[in-house]
Amino acid sequence: MSGRREPVPFAFVAEADRFRSNVTPPPRERLSVGQMAGRWLMGLTIVAGLVGSLVIGTPALSPDHSADQPQQSQASERR
């Protein structure tokens, strides 16, 4: 029996760490051209969305230089 610290009630659980299967998995199917193009298009869409959000969000993160000058409201211009 293996050198475990606690007893295991089922023998197959105790031997599971030593078990090696002799069954090989089936070979992976090759992707069709449509599936490959779809994956590329999905990746390109995600990257374009991230770049677009960065481009649109960058002006909001930059310091506002118009805050240095006092602003006049439109109500003060209508006399």
N, C-alpha and C. Protein backbone atom coordinates (compact mmCIF):
# COMPACT_ATOMS: atom_id res chain seq x y z
N MET A 1 0.84 -1.18 0.00
CA MET A 1 0.00 0.00 0.00
C MET A 1 0.89 1.24 0.00
N SER A 2 0.37 2.33 -0.46
CA SER A 2 1.16 3.56 -0.55
C SER A 2 1.33 4.18 0.84
N GLY A 3 2.31 5.06 0.96
CA GLY A 3 2.64 5.67 2.25
C GLY A 3 1.83 6.90 2.53
N ARG A 4 0.51 6.80 2.54
CA ARG A 4 -0.35 7.95 2.84
C ARG A 4 -0.50 8.09 4.35
N ARG A 5 -0.78 9.28 4.80
CA ARG A 5 -0.93 9.56 6.22
C ARG A 5 -2.30 9.13 6.74
N GLU A 6 -3.32 9.19 5.88
CA GLU A 6 -4.67 8.85 6.32
C GLU A 6 -5.17 7.67 5.50
N PRO A 7 -5.99 6.84 6.07
CA PRO A 7 -6.49 5.69 5.31
C PRO A 7 -7.51 6.14 4.25
N VAL A 8 -7.47 5.47 3.12
CA VAL A 8 -8.40 5.77 2.03
C VAL A 8 -9.39 4.63 1.95
N PRO A 9 -10.69 4.92 1.99
CA PRO A 9 -11.68 3.84 2.04
C PRO A 9 -11.79 3.03 0.74
N PHE A 10 -11.41 3.60 -0.38
CA PHE A 10 -11.54 2.89 -1.65
C PHE A 10 -10.16 2.64 -2.23
N ALA A 11 -9.90 1.44 -2.65
CA ALA A 11 -8.58 1.07 -3.16
C ALA A 11 -8.28 1.77 -4.48
N PHE A 12 -9.31 1.97 -5.34
CA PHE A 12 -9.05 2.60 -6.63
C PHE A 12 -8.64 4.06 -6.47
N VAL A 13 -9.06 4.72 -5.41
CA VAL A 13 -8.65 6.10 -5.17
C VAL A 13 -7.19 6.12 -4.73
N ALA A 14 -6.79 5.14 -3.94
CA ALA A 14 -5.41 5.08 -3.47
C ALA A 14 -4.45 4.80 -4.61
N GLU A 15 -4.89 4.05 -5.61
CA GLU A 15 -4.02 3.70 -6.72
C GLU A 15 -4.14 4.67 -7.88
N ALA A 16 -5.00 5.65 -7.79
CA ALA A 16 -5.24 6.56 -8.91
C ALA A 16 -4.03 7.42 -9.23
N ASP A 17 -3.19 7.73 -8.24
CA ASP A 17 -2.03 8.57 -8.51
C ASP A 17 -0.95 7.80 -9.27
N ARG A 18 -0.99 6.48 -9.27
CA ARG A 18 -0.01 5.69 -10.00
C ARG A 18 -0.52 5.22 -11.35
N PHE A 19 -1.81 5.40 -11.63
CA PHE A 19 -2.41 4.86 -12.85
C PHE A 19 -1.94 5.63 -14.09
N ARG A 20 -1.55 4.89 -15.11
CA ARG A 20 -1.19 5.48 -16.39
C ARG A 20 -2.00 4.78 -17.47
N SER A 21 -2.67 5.53 -18.27
CA SER A 21 -3.50 4.95 -19.30
C SER A 21 -2.66 4.58 -20.51
N ASN A 22 -3.01 3.46 -21.13
CA ASN A 22 -2.34 3.07 -22.36
C ASN A 22 -3.16 3.44 -23.59
N VAL A 23 -4.22 4.21 -23.38
CA VAL A 23 -5.08 4.63 -24.49
C VAL A 23 -4.65 6.03 -24.91
N THR A 24 -4.31 6.17 -26.17
CA THR A 24 -3.92 7.49 -26.68
C THR A 24 -5.16 8.23 -27.15
N PRO A 25 -5.23 9.53 -26.93
CA PRO A 25 -6.39 10.29 -27.39
C PRO A 25 -6.38 10.38 -28.91
N PRO A 26 -7.54 10.58 -29.50
CA PRO A 26 -7.58 10.69 -30.96
C PRO A 26 -6.86 11.95 -31.43
N PRO A 27 -6.35 11.96 -32.64
CA PRO A 27 -5.66 13.16 -33.13
C PRO A 27 -6.63 14.33 -33.27
N ARG A 28 -6.11 15.52 -33.07
CA ARG A 28 -6.94 16.72 -33.18
C ARG A 28 -7.33 16.96 -34.63
N GLU A 29 -8.56 17.39 -34.79
CA GLU A 29 -9.02 17.70 -36.14
C GLU A 29 -8.43 19.03 -36.58
N ARG A 30 -8.08 19.10 -37.84
CA ARG A 30 -7.55 20.35 -38.38
C ARG A 30 -8.69 21.33 -38.58
N LEU A 31 -8.41 22.60 -38.31
CA LEU A 31 -9.43 23.62 -38.49
C LEU A 31 -9.66 23.88 -39.97
N SER A 32 -10.91 24.14 -40.31
CA SER A 32 -11.20 24.51 -41.68
C SER A 32 -10.79 25.96 -41.91
N VAL A 33 -10.79 26.36 -43.16
CA VAL A 33 -10.40 27.74 -43.50
C VAL A 33 -11.39 28.72 -42.88
N GLY A 34 -12.65 28.38 -42.88
CA GLY A 34 -13.66 29.26 -42.29
C GLY A 34 -13.50 29.42 -40.79
N GLN A 35 -13.18 28.32 -40.11
CA GLN A 35 -12.97 28.41 -38.66
C GLN A 35 -11.72 29.22 -38.34
N MET A 36 -10.67 29.03 -39.12
CA MET A 36 -9.44 29.79 -38.89
C MET A 36 -9.66 31.28 -39.15
N ALA A 37 -10.39 31.59 -40.23
CA ALA A 37 -10.69 33.00 -40.53
C ALA A 37 -11.57 33.60 -39.43
N GLY A 38 -12.50 32.82 -38.91
CA GLY A 38 -13.37 33.31 -37.84
C GLY A 38 -12.58 33.63 -36.57
N ARG A 39 -11.61 32.78 -36.25
CA ARG A 39 -10.79 33.04 -35.06
C ARG A 39 -9.93 34.28 -35.25
N TRP A 40 -9.36 34.43 -36.45
CA TRP A 40 -8.56 35.62 -36.73
C TRP A 40 -9.43 36.87 -36.66
N LEU A 41 -10.64 36.79 -37.21
CA LEU A 41 -11.53 37.95 -37.20
C LEU A 41 -11.96 38.30 -35.78
N MET A 42 -12.22 37.30 -34.97
CA MET A 42 -12.60 37.55 -33.58
C MET A 42 -11.43 38.20 -32.82
N GLY A 43 -10.24 37.69 -33.00
CA GLY A 43 -9.07 38.28 -32.35
C GLY A 43 -8.82 39.70 -32.80
N LEU A 44 -8.97 39.93 -34.11
CA LEU A 44 -8.77 41.27 -34.65
C LEU A 44 -9.82 42.24 -34.12
N THR A 45 -11.05 41.76 -33.96
CA THR A 45 -12.12 42.61 -33.42
C THR A 45 -11.84 42.98 -31.97
N ILE A 46 -11.35 42.03 -31.19
CA ILE A 46 -11.05 42.32 -29.78
C ILE A 46 -9.90 43.30 -29.66
N VAL A 47 -8.85 43.11 -30.47
CA VAL A 47 -7.70 44.03 -30.43
C VAL A 47 -8.12 45.42 -30.89
N ALA A 48 -8.93 45.50 -31.95
CA ALA A 48 -9.40 46.80 -32.44
C ALA A 48 -10.27 47.50 -31.39
N GLY A 49 -11.07 46.75 -30.66
CA GLY A 49 -11.88 47.35 -29.60
C GLY A 49 -11.03 47.90 -28.47
N LEU A 50 -9.99 47.15 -28.10
CA LEU A 50 -9.10 47.64 -27.04
C LEU A 50 -8.33 48.88 -27.48
N VAL A 51 -7.83 48.88 -28.71
CA VAL A 51 -7.10 50.04 -29.22
C VAL A 51 -8.04 51.23 -29.35
N GLY A 52 -9.25 51.00 -29.84
CA GLY A 52 -10.22 52.08 -29.96
C GLY A 52 -10.59 52.69 -28.63
N SER A 53 -10.79 51.86 -27.62
CA SER A 53 -11.12 52.40 -26.30
C SER A 53 -9.95 53.17 -25.71
N LEU A 54 -8.74 52.74 -26.02
CA LEU A 54 -7.55 53.47 -25.55
C LEU A 54 -7.46 54.83 -26.24
N VAL A 55 -7.71 54.85 -27.55
CA VAL A 55 -7.63 56.11 -28.30
C VAL A 55 -8.72 57.08 -27.84
N ILE A 56 -9.92 56.56 -27.62
CA ILE A 56 -11.02 57.43 -27.20
C ILE A 56 -10.84 57.87 -25.74
N GLY A 57 -10.29 56.99 -24.90
CA GLY A 57 -10.15 57.31 -23.49
C GLY A 57 -8.94 58.13 -23.13
N THR A 58 -7.95 58.20 -24.02
CA THR A 58 -6.72 58.94 -23.71
C THR A 58 -6.97 60.43 -23.46
N PRO A 59 -7.77 61.13 -24.25
CA PRO A 59 -8.01 62.55 -23.94
C PRO A 59 -8.65 62.78 -22.57
N ALA A 60 -9.43 61.83 -22.12
CA ALA A 60 -10.05 61.98 -20.80
C ALA A 60 -9.02 61.83 -19.68
N LEU A 61 -7.94 61.14 -19.94
CA LEU A 61 -6.92 60.94 -18.92
C LEU A 61 -5.87 62.05 -18.90
N SER A 62 -5.79 62.82 -19.98
CA SER A 62 -4.79 63.88 -20.03
C SER A 62 -5.25 65.06 -19.19
N PRO A 63 -4.31 65.82 -18.63
CA PRO A 63 -4.70 66.98 -17.81
C PRO A 63 -5.39 68.03 -18.67
N ASP A 64 -6.39 68.65 -18.10
CA ASP A 64 -7.19 69.64 -18.82
C ASP A 64 -6.53 71.02 -18.69
N HIS A 65 -6.05 71.55 -19.80
CA HIS A 65 -5.37 72.85 -19.78
C HIS A 65 -6.36 74.02 -19.81
N SER A 66 -7.59 73.77 -20.18
CA SER A 66 -8.56 74.87 -20.20
C SER A 66 -9.04 75.22 -18.79
N ALA A 67 -8.70 74.41 -17.80
CA ALA A 67 -9.11 74.71 -16.42
C ALA A 67 -8.29 75.87 -15.85
N ASP A 68 -7.14 76.19 -16.46
CA ASP A 68 -6.32 77.29 -15.98
C ASP A 68 -6.98 78.64 -16.26
N GLN A 69 -7.77 78.73 -17.32
CA GLN A 69 -8.42 79.99 -17.69
C GLN A 69 -9.83 80.00 -17.11
N PRO A 70 -10.27 81.15 -16.61
CA PRO A 70 -11.64 81.21 -16.08
C PRO A 70 -12.65 81.05 -17.21
N GLN A 71 -13.71 80.32 -16.95
CA GLN A 71 -14.73 80.11 -17.96
C GLN A 71 -15.88 81.06 -17.74
N GLN A 72 -16.44 81.53 -18.83
CA GLN A 72 -17.61 82.37 -18.74
C GLN A 72 -18.81 81.56 -19.20
N SER A 73 -19.88 81.66 -18.49
CA SER A 73 -21.08 80.94 -18.89
C SER A 73 -21.77 81.67 -20.02
N GLN A 74 -22.61 80.96 -20.71
CA GLN A 74 -23.37 81.59 -21.81
C GLN A 74 -24.39 82.57 -21.28
N ALA A 75 -24.82 82.40 -20.04
CA ALA A 75 -25.79 83.33 -19.46
C ALA A 75 -25.17 84.71 -19.26
N SER A 76 -23.87 84.77 -18.96
CA SER A 76 -23.25 86.07 -18.76
C SER A 76 -23.04 86.81 -20.10
N GLU A 77 -23.08 86.09 -21.20
CA GLU A 77 -22.89 86.76 -22.50
C GLU A 77 -24.18 87.38 -23.00
N ARG A 78 -25.33 86.98 -22.51
CA ARG A 78 -26.62 87.50 -22.96
C ARG A 78 -27.05 88.68 -22.12
N ARG A 79 -26.60 89.80 -22.35
CA ARG A 79 -27.00 90.95 -21.53
C ARG A 79 -28.09 91.74 -22.15
